[in-house]
Amino acid sequence: MAQLSFNHCARIALALSFVIGLSACGNTIRGVGKDIGGVVDATQDAGRNVARSVR
């Protein structure tokens, strides 16, 4: 009976670890997306500044 209880707890711990790992991965992907968006915005602003200075 003790083995069954240990196996049950081990499976729950494994499932929780998997879910936490997936949520961390999703958070990282969203963070990278925001960083790339910031780079694109900065590049566009720099391009506008160059265009204004040429006029």
PDB file of N, CA and C in Angstrom:
ATOM      1  N   MET A   1       0.804  -1.189   0.000  1.00  0.00           N
ATOM      2  CA  MET A   1       0.000   0.000   0.000  1.00  0.00           C
ATOM      3  C   MET A   1       0.853   1.261   0.000  1.00  0.00           C
ATOM      4  N   ALA A   2       1.991   1.260   0.686  1.00  0.00           N
ATOM      5  CA  ALA A   2       2.870   2.416   0.726  1.00  0.00           C
ATOM      6  C   ALA A   2       3.464   2.695  -0.649  1.00  0.00           C
ATOM      7  N   GLN A   3       3.749   1.656  -1.429  1.00  0.00           N
ATOM      8  CA  GLN A   3       4.283   1.827  -2.779  1.00  0.00           C
ATOM      9  C   GLN A   3       3.278   2.548  -3.666  1.00  0.00           C
ATOM     10  N   LEU A   4       2.013   2.177  -3.562  1.00  0.00           N
ATOM     11  CA  LEU A   4       0.974   2.802  -4.371  1.00  0.00           C
ATOM     12  C   LEU A   4       0.874   4.288  -4.036  1.00  0.00           C
ATOM     13  N   SER A   5       0.928   4.630  -2.792  1.00  0.00           N
ATOM     14  CA  SER A   5       0.852   6.017  -2.378  1.00  0.00           C
ATOM     15  C   SER A   5       2.065   6.810  -2.873  1.00  0.00           C
ATOM     16  N   PHE A   6       3.253   6.218  -2.784  1.00  0.00           N
ATOM     17  CA  PHE A   6       4.467   6.877  -3.274  1.00  0.00           C
ATOM     18  C   PHE A   6       4.392   7.082  -4.786  1.00  0.00           C
ATOM     19  N   ASN A   7       3.952   6.060  -5.517  1.00  0.00           N
ATOM     20  CA  ASN A   7       3.843   6.177  -6.975  1.00  0.00           C
ATOM     21  C   ASN A   7       2.839   7.262  -7.355  1.00  0.00           C
ATOM     22  N   HIS A   8       1.751   7.334  -6.606  1.00  0.00           N
ATOM     23  CA  HIS A   8       0.737   8.353  -6.880  1.00  0.00           C
ATOM     24  C   HIS A   8       1.322   9.754  -6.669  1.00  0.00           C
ATOM     25  N   CYS A   9       2.024   9.952  -5.573  1.00  0.00           N
ATOM     26  CA  CYS A   9       2.639  11.252  -5.293  1.00  0.00           C
ATOM     27  C   CYS A   9       3.716  11.592  -6.325  1.00  0.00           C
ATOM     28  N   ALA A  10       4.474  10.597  -6.746  1.00  0.00           N
ATOM     29  CA  ALA A  10       5.518  10.822  -7.744  1.00  0.00           C
ATOM     30  C   ALA A  10       4.912  11.248  -9.077  1.00  0.00           C
ATOM     31  N   ARG A  11       3.798  10.655  -9.448  1.00  0.00           N
ATOM     32  CA  ARG A  11       3.139  11.033 -10.706  1.00  0.00           C
ATOM     33  C   ARG A  11       2.584  12.453 -10.642  1.00  0.00           C
ATOM     34  N   ILE A  12       2.018  12.799  -9.500  1.00  0.00           N
ATOM     35  CA  ILE A  12       1.496  14.161  -9.336  1.00  0.00           C
ATOM     36  C   ILE A  12       2.639  15.172  -9.404  1.00  0.00           C
ATOM     37  N   ALA A  13       3.745  14.869  -8.745  1.00  0.00           N
ATOM     38  CA  ALA A  13       4.898  15.771  -8.776  1.00  0.00           C
ATOM     39  C   ALA A  13       5.442  15.918 -10.190  1.00  0.00           C
ATOM     40  N   LEU A  14       5.482  14.831 -10.933  1.00  0.00           N
ATOM     41  CA  LEU A  14       5.956  14.871 -12.317  1.00  0.00           C
ATOM     42  C   LEU A  14       5.026  15.712 -13.181  1.00  0.00           C
ATOM     43  N   ALA A  15       3.725  15.543 -13.001  1.00  0.00           N
ATOM     44  CA  ALA A  15       2.761  16.321 -13.781  1.00  0.00           C
ATOM     45  C   ALA A  15       2.874  17.808 -13.460  1.00  0.00           C
ATOM     46  N   LEU A  16       3.016  18.143 -12.175  1.00  0.00           N
ATOM     47  CA  LEU A  16       3.167  19.554 -11.796  1.00  0.00           C
ATOM     48  C   LEU A  16       4.451  20.158 -12.364  1.00  0.00           C
ATOM     49  N   SER A  17       5.520  19.391 -12.336  1.00  0.00           N
ATOM     50  CA  SER A  17       6.789  19.872 -12.903  1.00  0.00           C
ATOM     51  C   SER A  17       6.649  20.132 -14.395  1.00  0.00           C
ATOM     52  N   PHE A  18       5.931  19.264 -15.082  1.00  0.00           N
ATOM     53  CA  PHE A  18       5.716  19.417 -16.518  1.00  0.00           C
ATOM     54  C   PHE A  18       4.916  20.684 -16.811  1.00  0.00           C
ATOM     55  N   VAL A  19       3.853  20.915 -16.039  1.00  0.00           N
ATOM     56  CA  VAL A  19       3.008  22.091 -16.247  1.00  0.00           C
ATOM     57  C   VAL A  19       3.800  23.379 -15.969  1.00  0.00           C
ATOM     58  N   ILE A  20       4.574  23.380 -14.898  1.00  0.00           N
ATOM     59  CA  ILE A  20       5.388  24.556 -14.572  1.00  0.00           C
ATOM     60  C   ILE A  20       6.417  24.811 -15.669  1.00  0.00           C
ATOM     61  N   GLY A  21       7.017  23.747 -16.182  1.00  0.00           N
ATOM     62  CA  GLY A  21       7.983  23.887 -17.269  1.00  0.00           C
ATOM     63  C   GLY A  21       7.359  24.483 -18.513  1.00  0.00           C
ATOM     64  N   LEU A  22       6.154  24.033 -18.850  1.00  0.00           N
ATOM     65  CA  LEU A  22       5.473  24.574 -20.029  1.00  0.00           C
ATOM     66  C   LEU A  22       5.113  26.046 -19.837  1.00  0.00           C
ATOM     67  N   SER A  23       4.666  26.405 -18.658  1.00  0.00           N
ATOM     68  CA  SER A  23       4.298  27.807 -18.441  1.00  0.00           C
ATOM     69  C   SER A  23       5.530  28.705 -18.490  1.00  0.00           C
ATOM     70  N   ALA A  24       6.653  28.222 -17.999  1.00  0.00           N
ATOM     71  CA  ALA A  24       7.891  29.011 -18.073  1.00  0.00           C
ATOM     72  C   ALA A  24       8.325  29.199 -19.515  1.00  0.00           C
ATOM     73  N   CYS A  25       8.161  28.173 -20.310  1.00  0.00           N
ATOM     74  CA  CYS A  25       8.531  28.254 -21.728  1.00  0.00           C
ATOM     75  C   CYS A  25       7.641  29.268 -22.441  1.00  0.00           C
ATOM     76  N   GLY A  26       6.345  29.230 -22.174  1.00  0.00           N
ATOM     77  CA  GLY A  26       5.427  30.183 -22.789  1.00  0.00           C
ATOM     78  C   GLY A  26       5.752  31.613 -22.409  1.00  0.00           C
ATOM     79  N   ASN A  27       6.133  31.825 -21.167  1.00  0.00           N
ATOM     80  CA  ASN A  27       6.500  33.157 -20.704  1.00  0.00           C
ATOM     81  C   ASN A  27       7.753  33.651 -21.425  1.00  0.00           C
ATOM     82  N   THR A  28       8.718  32.772 -21.619  1.00  0.00           N
ATOM     83  CA  THR A  28       9.947  33.143 -22.325  1.00  0.00           C
ATOM     84  C   THR A  28       9.649  33.522 -23.770  1.00  0.00           C
ATOM     85  N   ILE A  29       8.789  32.759 -24.413  1.00  0.00           N
ATOM     86  CA  ILE A  29       8.449  33.040 -25.819  1.00  0.00           C
ATOM     87  C   ILE A  29       7.757  34.400 -25.929  1.00  0.00           C
ATOM     88  N   ARG A  30       6.840  34.692 -25.006  1.00  0.00           N
ATOM     89  CA  ARG A  30       6.177  36.006 -25.034  1.00  0.00           C
ATOM     90  C   ARG A  30       7.178  37.122 -24.793  1.00  0.00           C
ATOM     91  N   GLY A  31       8.121  36.905 -23.895  1.00  0.00           N
ATOM     92  CA  GLY A  31       9.141  37.918 -23.612  1.00  0.00           C
ATOM     93  C   GLY A  31      10.009  38.201 -24.819  1.00  0.00           C
ATOM     94  N   VAL A  32      10.397  37.156 -25.528  1.00  0.00           N
ATOM     95  CA  VAL A  32      11.207  37.339 -26.737  1.00  0.00           C
ATOM     96  C   VAL A  32      10.404  38.086 -27.791  1.00  0.00           C
ATOM     97  N   GLY A  33       9.130  37.775 -27.905  1.00  0.00           N
ATOM     98  CA  GLY A  33       8.272  38.480 -28.862  1.00  0.00           C
ATOM     99  C   GLY A  33       8.202  39.966 -28.567  1.00  0.00           C
ATOM    100  N   LYS A  34       8.093  40.310 -27.274  1.00  0.00           N
ATOM    101  CA  LYS A  34       8.051  41.732 -26.900  1.00  0.00           C
ATOM    102  C   LYS A  34       9.389  42.403 -27.197  1.00  0.00           C
ATOM    103  N   ASP A  35      10.485  41.697 -26.943  1.00  0.00           N
ATOM    104  CA  ASP A  35      11.813  42.264 -27.236  1.00  0.00           C
ATOM    105  C   ASP A  35      11.975  42.523 -28.721  1.00  0.00           C
ATOM    106  N   ILE A  36      11.554  41.586 -29.535  1.00  0.00           N
ATOM    107  CA  ILE A  36      11.669  41.756 -30.996  1.00  0.00           C
ATOM    108  C   ILE A  36      10.792  42.919 -31.448  1.00  0.00           C
ATOM    109  N   GLY A  37       9.602  43.026 -30.860  1.00  0.00           N
ATOM    110  CA  GLY A  37       8.727  44.158 -31.181  1.00  0.00           C
ATOM    111  C   GLY A  37       9.382  45.484 -30.847  1.00  0.00           C
ATOM    112  N   GLY A  38      10.084  45.531 -29.719  1.00  0.00           N
ATOM    113  CA  GLY A  38      10.791  46.753 -29.325  1.00  0.00           C
ATOM    114  C   GLY A  38      11.909  47.096 -30.291  1.00  0.00           C
ATOM    115  N   VAL A  39      12.606  46.091 -30.773  1.00  0.00           N
ATOM    116  CA  VAL A  39      13.685  46.318 -31.747  1.00  0.00           C
ATOM    117  C   VAL A  39      13.114  46.863 -33.045  1.00  0.00           C
ATOM    118  N   VAL A  40      11.994  46.309 -33.477  1.00  0.00           N
ATOM    119  CA  VAL A  40      11.361  46.781 -34.720  1.00  0.00           C
ATOM    120  C   VAL A  40      10.933  48.242 -34.557  1.00  0.00           C
ATOM    121  N   ASP A  41      10.322  48.563 -33.419  1.00  0.00           N
ATOM    122  CA  ASP A  41       9.899  49.950 -33.191  1.00  0.00           C
ATOM    123  C   ASP A  41      11.095  50.903 -33.178  1.00  0.00           C
ATOM    124  N   ALA A  42      12.168  50.509 -32.518  1.00  0.00           N
ATOM    125  CA  ALA A  42      13.362  51.358 -32.462  1.00  0.00           C
ATOM    126  C   ALA A  42      13.970  51.544 -33.841  1.00  0.00           C
ATOM    127  N   THR A  43      13.965  50.495 -34.643  1.00  0.00           N
ATOM    128  CA  THR A  43      14.511  50.586 -36.001  1.00  0.00           C
ATOM    129  C   THR A  43      13.666  51.531 -36.850  1.00  0.00           C
ATOM    130  N   GLN A  44      12.351  51.436 -36.716  1.00  0.00           N
ATOM    131  CA  GLN A  44      11.483  52.338 -37.470  1.00  0.00           C
ATOM    132  C   GLN A  44      11.696  53.782 -37.041  1.00  0.00           C
ATOM    133  N   ASP A  45      11.810  54.011 -35.742  1.00  0.00           N
ATOM    134  CA  ASP A  45      12.060  55.379 -35.257  1.00  0.00           C
ATOM    135  C   ASP A  45      13.385  55.919 -35.784  1.00  0.00           C
ATOM    136  N   ALA A  46      14.411  55.086 -35.799  1.00  0.00           N
ATOM    137  CA  ALA A  46      15.711  55.520 -36.324  1.00  0.00           C
ATOM    138  C   ALA A  46      15.604  55.866 -37.799  1.00  0.00           C
ATOM    139  N   GLY A  47      14.859  55.063 -38.536  1.00  0.00           N
ATOM    140  CA  GLY A  47      14.657  55.344 -39.955  1.00  0.00           C
ATOM    141  C   GLY A  47      13.942  56.664 -40.172  1.00  0.00           C
ATOM    142  N   ARG A  48      12.948  56.936 -39.348  1.00  0.00           N
ATOM    143  CA  ARG A  48      12.228  58.226 -39.454  1.00  0.00           C
ATOM    144  C   ARG A  48      13.138  59.399 -39.135  1.00  0.00           C
ATOM    145  N   ASN A  49      13.974  59.223 -38.121  1.00  0.00           N
ATOM    146  CA  ASN A  49      14.916  60.296 -37.766  1.00  0.00           C
ATOM    147  C   ASN A  49      15.887  60.589 -38.901  1.00  0.00           C
ATOM    148  N   VAL A  50      16.374  59.553 -39.555  1.00  0.00           N
ATOM    149  CA  VAL A  50      17.285  59.734 -40.699  1.00  0.00           C
ATOM    150  C   VAL A  50      16.542  60.422 -41.831  1.00  0.00           C
ATOM    151  N   ALA A  51      15.317  60.005 -42.080  1.00  0.00           N
ATOM    152  CA  ALA A  51      14.534  60.604 -43.165  1.00  0.00           C
ATOM    153  C   ALA A  51      14.287  62.101 -42.893  1.00  0.00           C
ATOM    154  N   ARG A  52      14.014  62.425 -41.637  1.00  0.00           N
ATOM    155  CA  ARG A  52      13.781  63.846 -41.293  1.00  0.00           C
ATOM    156  C   ARG A  52      15.045  64.675 -41.432  1.00  0.00           C
ATOM    157  N   SER A  53      16.167  64.082 -41.067  1.00  0.00           N
ATOM    158  CA  SER A  53      17.416  64.847 -41.139  1.00  0.00           C
ATOM    159  C   SER A  53      17.863  65.070 -42.570  1.00  0.00           C
ATOM    160  N   VAL A  54      17.451  64.225 -43.475  1.00  0.00           N
ATOM    161  CA  VAL A  54      17.830  64.379 -44.888  1.00  0.00           C
ATOM    162  C   VAL A  54      17.017  65.468 -45.552  1.00  0.00           C
ATOM    163  N   ARG A  55      15.822  65.681 -45.106  1.00  0.00           N
ATOM    164  CA  ARG A  55      14.933  66.688 -45.748  1.00  0.00           C
ATOM    165  C   ARG A  55      15.418  68.073 -45.577  1.00  0.00           C
TER     166      ARG A  55
END
